[in-house]
C-alpha cells in the first residue's frame, strides 16, 4: 500500500504546483491512516534526496511541495511562462510582499491612486489579504502567493527582490487608462 501512496503523493505534488498537507494527501490516497501516508511521504522525500535530481520535495510548517532545487533555478527559470499580470500590478504585489505588513495608505502614497484597483485585483486573485486597522487596511501576502511564487520563507523573498525595485521614492505611477482585466 505504501508504494501506491507514494505514487499518488508524487503525482499530486507534481500537478498541484502548491503545498499540500499530510491531511490533504491522506484524502487523495483515500486513507484514514495518516501515519502510513506520512511514512510514504518521508520515503518519497528521502528517495528524491538520494537520487540527486533537479527536483526536491520540501516541507514547511507541515506542508509539502515539489520544486526545482535552488542550484538549478537560474538555468530553467526562463522556461516558466510569463505572468499575465500587468507590470503595474506586479510592482504593487512586489511592494506588498517586500514590505509586509504594509498599510494600504503607504502603498497608495508610493504607487499612486491606481493602486486601489491593483489591490482589489490582487485580493480577488487571493494573492493578498487585508485586515482593517483604524482608517486604513493592513495588507499581507497569502499562502497562495507563496505557493505560486514557490516561496518557502519570506526572508528568501527579500533576497530575491532588490529593495530598489519596490521602493519608488520619486513620482508614483499614474493610473493607466485601460481597464485591468479580471
C-alpha atoms as a PDB file:
ATOM      1  CA  UNK A   1       0.000   0.000   0.000  1.00  0.00           C
ATOM      2  CA  UNK A   2       2.906   2.356   0.723  1.00  0.00           C
ATOM      3  CA  UNK A   3       4.064   2.146  -2.916  1.00  0.00           C
ATOM      4  CA  UNK A   4       0.587   3.083  -4.094  1.00  0.00           C
ATOM      5  CA  UNK A   5       0.539   6.015  -1.652  1.00  0.00           C
ATOM      6  CA  UNK A   6       3.973   7.150  -2.837  1.00  0.00           C
ATOM      7  CA  UNK A   7       2.850   7.159  -6.468  1.00  0.00           C
ATOM      8  CA  UNK A   8      -0.294   9.165  -5.668  1.00  0.00           C
ATOM      9  CA  UNK A   9       1.627  11.602  -3.456  1.00  0.00           C
ATOM     10  CA  UNK A  10       4.263  12.150  -6.132  1.00  0.00           C
ATOM     11  CA  UNK A  11       1.617  12.757  -8.794  1.00  0.00           C
ATOM     12  CA  UNK A  12      -0.330  15.134  -6.530  1.00  0.00           C
ATOM     13  CA  UNK A  13       2.739  17.194  -5.645  1.00  0.00           C
ATOM     14  CA  UNK A  14       3.765  17.344  -9.292  1.00  0.00           C
ATOM     15  CA  UNK A  15       0.445  18.543 -10.711  1.00  0.00           C
ATOM     16  CA  UNK A  16      -0.739  20.742  -7.837  1.00  0.00           C
ATOM     17  CA  UNK A  17       2.026  23.330  -8.006  1.00  0.00           C
ATOM     18  CA  UNK A  18       1.248  24.224  -4.410  1.00  0.00           C
ATOM     19  CA  UNK A  19       1.893  22.997  -0.909  1.00  0.00           C
ATOM     20  CA  UNK A  20      -0.191  20.108   0.410  1.00  0.00           C
ATOM     21  CA  UNK A  21      -0.596  18.912   3.988  1.00  0.00           C
ATOM     22  CA  UNK A  22      -0.447  15.296   5.116  1.00  0.00           C
ATOM     23  CA  UNK A  23      -4.197  15.513   5.664  1.00  0.00           C
ATOM     24  CA  UNK A  24      -4.689  16.667   2.036  1.00  0.00           C
ATOM     25  CA  UNK A  25      -2.522  13.804   0.832  1.00  0.00           C
ATOM     26  CA  UNK A  26      -4.351  11.272   3.030  1.00  0.00           C
ATOM     27  CA  UNK A  27      -7.666  12.356   1.471  1.00  0.00           C
ATOM     28  CA  UNK A  28      -6.164  11.951  -2.016  1.00  0.00           C
ATOM     29  CA  UNK A  29      -4.997   8.474  -1.073  1.00  0.00           C
ATOM     30  CA  UNK A  30      -8.422   7.646   0.410  1.00  0.00           C
ATOM     31  CA  UNK A  31      -6.639   6.717   3.604  1.00  0.00           C
ATOM     32  CA  UNK A  32      -7.627   7.327   7.177  1.00  0.00           C
ATOM     33  CA  UNK A  33      -4.168   6.163   8.218  1.00  0.00           C
ATOM     34  CA  UNK A  34      -2.249   9.443   8.347  1.00  0.00           C
ATOM     35  CA  UNK A  35       0.794   7.661   9.788  1.00  0.00           C
ATOM     36  CA  UNK A  36       1.079   5.435   6.698  1.00  0.00           C
ATOM     37  CA  UNK A  37       0.715   8.442   4.404  1.00  0.00           C
ATOM     38  CA  UNK A  38       3.333  10.356   6.412  1.00  0.00           C
ATOM     39  CA  UNK A  39       5.721   7.388   6.131  1.00  0.00           C
ATOM     40  CA  UNK A  40       5.141   7.211   2.379  1.00  0.00           C
ATOM     41  CA  UNK A  41       5.769  10.977   2.125  1.00  0.00           C
ATOM     42  CA  UNK A  42       9.003  10.738   4.105  1.00  0.00           C
ATOM     43  CA  UNK A  43      10.164   7.768   1.992  1.00  0.00           C
ATOM     44  CA  UNK A  44       9.443   9.689  -1.202  1.00  0.00           C
ATOM     45  CA  UNK A  45      11.249  12.760   0.112  1.00  0.00           C
ATOM     46  CA  UNK A  46      14.268  10.629   1.031  1.00  0.00           C
ATOM     47  CA  UNK A  47      14.218   8.962  -2.394  1.00  0.00           C
ATOM     48  CA  UNK A  48      14.389  12.365  -4.109  1.00  0.00           C
ATOM     49  CA  UNK A  49      17.344  13.357  -1.927  1.00  0.00           C
ATOM     50  CA  UNK A  50      19.211  10.139  -2.705  1.00  0.00           C
ATOM     51  CA  UNK A  51      18.566  10.307  -6.466  1.00  0.00           C
ATOM     52  CA  UNK A  52      20.282  13.695  -6.613  1.00  0.00           C
ATOM     53  CA  UNK A  53      17.847  15.089  -9.183  1.00  0.00           C
ATOM     54  CA  UNK A  54      16.996  18.680 -10.071  1.00  0.00           C
ATOM     55  CA  UNK A  55      13.693  18.359  -8.214  1.00  0.00           C
ATOM     56  CA  UNK A  56      13.198  18.228  -4.460  1.00  0.00           C
ATOM     57  CA  UNK A  57      10.290  17.759  -2.112  1.00  0.00           C
ATOM     58  CA  UNK A  58      10.275  20.444   0.536  1.00  0.00           C
ATOM     59  CA  UNK A  59       8.420  20.695   3.821  1.00  0.00           C
ATOM     60  CA  UNK A  60       7.447  23.913   5.542  1.00  0.00           C
ATOM     61  CA  UNK A  61       5.096  24.076   8.519  1.00  0.00           C
ATOM     62  CA  UNK A  62       3.671  20.631   7.761  1.00  0.00           C
ATOM     63  CA  UNK A  63       3.063  21.491   4.095  1.00  0.00           C
ATOM     64  CA  UNK A  64       4.849  19.615   1.307  1.00  0.00           C
ATOM     65  CA  UNK A  65       5.675  20.814  -2.203  1.00  0.00           C
ATOM     66  CA  UNK A  66       7.693  19.697  -5.198  1.00  0.00           C
ATOM     67  CA  UNK A  67      10.044  22.320  -6.635  1.00  0.00           C
ATOM     68  CA  UNK A  68      13.188  22.874  -8.635  1.00  0.00           C
ATOM     69  CA  UNK A  69      16.300  22.835  -6.455  1.00  0.00           C
ATOM     70  CA  UNK A  70      17.746  26.280  -5.835  1.00  0.00           C
ATOM     71  CA  UNK A  71      21.013  25.473  -7.602  1.00  0.00           C
ATOM     72  CA  UNK A  72      19.090  24.720 -10.822  1.00  0.00           C
ATOM     73  CA  UNK A  73      16.580  27.607 -10.759  1.00  0.00           C
ATOM     74  CA  UNK A  74      18.720  30.051 -12.748  1.00  0.00           C
ATOM     75  CA  UNK A  75      19.177  27.561 -15.560  1.00  0.00           C
ATOM     76  CA  UNK A  76      15.483  26.797 -16.038  1.00  0.00           C
ATOM     77  CA  UNK A  77      13.523  29.856 -14.912  1.00  0.00           C
ATOM     78  CA  UNK A  78      13.413  31.208 -18.461  1.00  0.00           C
ATOM     79  CA  UNK A  79      11.143  28.249 -19.274  1.00  0.00           C
ATOM     80  CA  UNK A  80       8.484  29.369 -16.799  1.00  0.00           C
ATOM     81  CA  UNK A  81       5.582  31.019 -18.633  1.00  0.00           C
ATOM     82  CA  UNK A  82       5.377  34.784 -18.306  1.00  0.00           C
ATOM     83  CA  UNK A  83       2.864  36.043 -15.800  1.00  0.00           C
ATOM     84  CA  UNK A  84      -0.240  37.588 -17.276  1.00  0.00           C
ATOM     85  CA  UNK A  85      -0.153  40.327 -14.659  1.00  0.00           C
ATOM     86  CA  UNK A  86       0.328  43.849 -15.854  1.00  0.00           C
ATOM     87  CA  UNK A  87       3.652  45.375 -14.766  1.00  0.00           C
ATOM     88  CA  UNK A  88       1.958  47.950 -12.505  1.00  0.00           C
ATOM     89  CA  UNK A  89       0.008  45.202 -10.692  1.00  0.00           C
ATOM     90  CA  UNK A  90       3.158  43.102 -10.371  1.00  0.00           C
ATOM     91  CA  UNK A  91       5.108  46.065  -8.941  1.00  0.00           C
ATOM     92  CA  UNK A  92       2.344  46.647  -6.399  1.00  0.00           C
ATOM     93  CA  UNK A  93       2.452  42.973  -5.424  1.00  0.00           C
ATOM     94  CA  UNK A  94       6.246  43.149  -5.074  1.00  0.00           C
ATOM     95  CA  UNK A  95       5.924  46.175  -2.796  1.00  0.00           C
ATOM     96  CA  UNK A  96       3.384  44.366  -0.619  1.00  0.00           C
ATOM     97  CA  UNK A  97       5.446  41.175  -0.443  1.00  0.00           C
ATOM     98  CA  UNK A  98       8.671  43.006   0.333  1.00  0.00           C
ATOM     99  CA  UNK A  99       7.244  45.420   2.887  1.00  0.00           C
ATOM    100  CA  UNK A 100       4.527  43.366   4.533  1.00  0.00           C
ATOM    101  CA  UNK A 101       2.700  44.008   6.676  1.00  0.00           C
ATOM    102  CA  UNK A 102       2.113  47.320   4.927  1.00  0.00           C
ATOM    103  CA  UNK A 103      -0.666  49.864   5.261  1.00  0.00           C
ATOM    104  CA  UNK A 104      -2.784  50.446   2.188  1.00  0.00           C
ATOM    105  CA  UNK A 105      -2.213  54.189   2.642  1.00  0.00           C
ATOM    106  CA  UNK A 106       1.545  53.636   2.272  1.00  0.00           C
ATOM    107  CA  UNK A 107       1.006  51.663  -0.940  1.00  0.00           C
ATOM    108  CA  UNK A 108      -1.154  54.460  -2.355  1.00  0.00           C
ATOM    109  CA  UNK A 109       1.468  57.014  -1.328  1.00  0.00           C
ATOM    110  CA  UNK A 110       4.184  55.089  -3.200  1.00  0.00           C
ATOM    111  CA  UNK A 111       2.218  53.687  -6.158  1.00  0.00           C
ATOM    112  CA  UNK A 112      -0.494  56.327  -6.714  1.00  0.00           C
ATOM    113  CA  UNK A 113      -4.301  56.125  -6.748  1.00  0.00           C
ATOM    114  CA  UNK A 114      -4.252  53.411  -9.411  1.00  0.00           C
ATOM    115  CA  UNK A 115      -3.041  51.051  -6.691  1.00  0.00           C
ATOM    116  CA  UNK A 116      -6.599  50.785  -5.323  1.00  0.00           C
ATOM    117  CA  UNK A 117      -7.521  48.830  -8.490  1.00  0.00           C
ATOM    118  CA  UNK A 118      -4.349  46.752  -8.270  1.00  0.00           C
ATOM    119  CA  UNK A 119      -5.028  45.861  -4.639  1.00  0.00           C
ATOM    120  CA  UNK A 120      -8.592  44.817  -5.498  1.00  0.00           C
ATOM    121  CA  UNK A 121      -7.343  42.642  -8.370  1.00  0.00           C
ATOM    122  CA  UNK A 122      -4.680  41.005  -6.173  1.00  0.00           C
ATOM    123  CA  UNK A 123      -7.237  40.373  -3.433  1.00  0.00           C
ATOM    124  CA  UNK A 124      -9.666  38.861  -5.973  1.00  0.00           C
ATOM    125  CA  UNK A 125      -6.857  36.538  -7.088  1.00  0.00           C
ATOM    126  CA  UNK A 126      -6.291  35.625  -3.407  1.00  0.00           C
ATOM    127  CA  UNK A 127      -2.629  36.644  -3.574  1.00  0.00           C
ATOM    128  CA  UNK A 128      -3.055  39.190  -0.759  1.00  0.00           C
ATOM    129  CA  UNK A 129      -5.302  39.640   2.238  1.00  0.00           C
ATOM    130  CA  UNK A 130      -6.379  42.796   4.013  1.00  0.00           C
ATOM    131  CA  UNK A 131      -7.179  43.487   7.645  1.00  0.00           C
ATOM    132  CA  UNK A 132      -8.864  46.639   8.883  1.00  0.00           C
ATOM    133  CA  UNK A 133      -6.622  48.826  11.022  1.00  0.00           C
ATOM    134  CA  UNK A 134      -8.059  52.148  12.127  1.00  0.00           C
ATOM    135  CA  UNK A 135      -8.941  54.141   8.987  1.00  0.00           C
ATOM    136  CA  UNK A 136      -6.793  52.071   6.626  1.00  0.00           C
ATOM    137  CA  UNK A 137      -6.101  48.431   5.867  1.00  0.00           C
ATOM    138  CA  UNK A 138      -3.004  46.383   6.585  1.00  0.00           C
ATOM    139  CA  UNK A 139      -2.045  44.137   3.677  1.00  0.00           C
ATOM    140  CA  UNK A 140      -0.033  40.907   3.607  1.00  0.00           C
ATOM    141  CA  UNK A 141       0.507  38.116   1.090  1.00  0.00           C
ATOM    142  CA  UNK A 142      -1.326  34.808   1.354  1.00  0.00           C
ATOM    143  CA  UNK A 143      -0.191  31.208   1.233  1.00  0.00           C
ATOM    144  CA  UNK A 144      -1.451  31.133  -2.358  1.00  0.00           C
ATOM    145  CA  UNK A 145       1.134  33.834  -3.171  1.00  0.00           C
ATOM    146  CA  UNK A 146       3.867  31.739  -1.543  1.00  0.00           C
ATOM    147  CA  UNK A 147       2.766  28.654  -3.455  1.00  0.00           C
ATOM    148  CA  UNK A 148       2.512  30.472  -6.789  1.00  0.00           C
ATOM    149  CA  UNK A 149       5.966  32.042  -6.494  1.00  0.00           C
ATOM    150  CA  UNK A 150       7.478  28.997  -4.719  1.00  0.00           C
ATOM    151  CA  UNK A 151       8.489  30.971  -1.640  1.00  0.00           C
ATOM    152  CA  UNK A 152       9.124  28.841   1.428  1.00  0.00           C
ATOM    153  CA  UNK A 153      10.316  31.633   3.692  1.00  0.00           C
ATOM    154  CA  UNK A 154       9.655  35.358   3.310  1.00  0.00           C
ATOM    155  CA  UNK A 155      13.333  36.037   4.114  1.00  0.00           C
ATOM    156  CA  UNK A 156      14.105  34.196   0.876  1.00  0.00           C
ATOM    157  CA  UNK A 157      11.847  36.637  -0.968  1.00  0.00           C
ATOM    158  CA  UNK A 158      13.702  39.674   0.345  1.00  0.00           C
ATOM    159  CA  UNK A 159      16.921  38.193  -1.028  1.00  0.00           C
ATOM    160  CA  UNK A 160      15.313  37.754  -4.467  1.00  0.00           C
ATOM    161  CA  UNK A 161      13.747  41.211  -4.737  1.00  0.00           C
ATOM    162  CA  UNK A 162      16.204  44.090  -4.538  1.00  0.00           C
ATOM    163  CA  UNK A 163      14.818  46.918  -2.418  1.00  0.00           C
ATOM    164  CA  UNK A 164      15.289  49.340  -5.311  1.00  0.00           C
ATOM    165  CA  UNK A 165      12.605  47.523  -7.321  1.00  0.00           C
ATOM    166  CA  UNK A 166       9.883  48.068  -4.746  1.00  0.00           C
ATOM    167  CA  UNK A 167      10.850  51.439  -3.273  1.00  0.00           C
ATOM    168  CA  UNK A 168       9.939  54.190  -5.667  1.00  0.00           C
ATOM    169  CA  UNK A 169      10.565  57.402  -3.797  1.00  0.00           C
ATOM    170  CA  UNK A 170      10.008  59.572  -6.842  1.00  0.00           C
ATOM    171  CA  UNK A 171       6.700  60.130  -8.623  1.00  0.00           C
ATOM    172  CA  UNK A 172       4.058  57.442  -8.169  1.00  0.00           C
ATOM    173  CA  UNK A 173       2.818  55.756 -11.307  1.00  0.00           C
ATOM    174  CA  UNK A 174      -0.286  57.375 -12.761  1.00  0.00           C
ATOM    175  CA  UNK A 175      -3.327  55.152 -13.046  1.00  0.00           C
ATOM    176  CA  UNK A 176      -3.455  53.566 -16.505  1.00  0.00           C
ATOM    177  CA  UNK A 177      -6.357  54.459 -18.777  1.00  0.00           C
ATOM    178  CA  UNK A 178      -7.042  50.863 -19.819  1.00  0.00           C
ATOM    179  CA  UNK A 179      -9.147  48.548 -17.700  1.00  0.00           C
ATOM    180  CA  UNK A 180      -7.459  45.897 -15.644  1.00  0.00           C
ATOM    181  CA  UNK A 181      -8.660  42.538 -16.875  1.00  0.00           C
ATOM    182  CA  UNK A 182     -10.375  40.405 -14.292  1.00  0.00           C
END
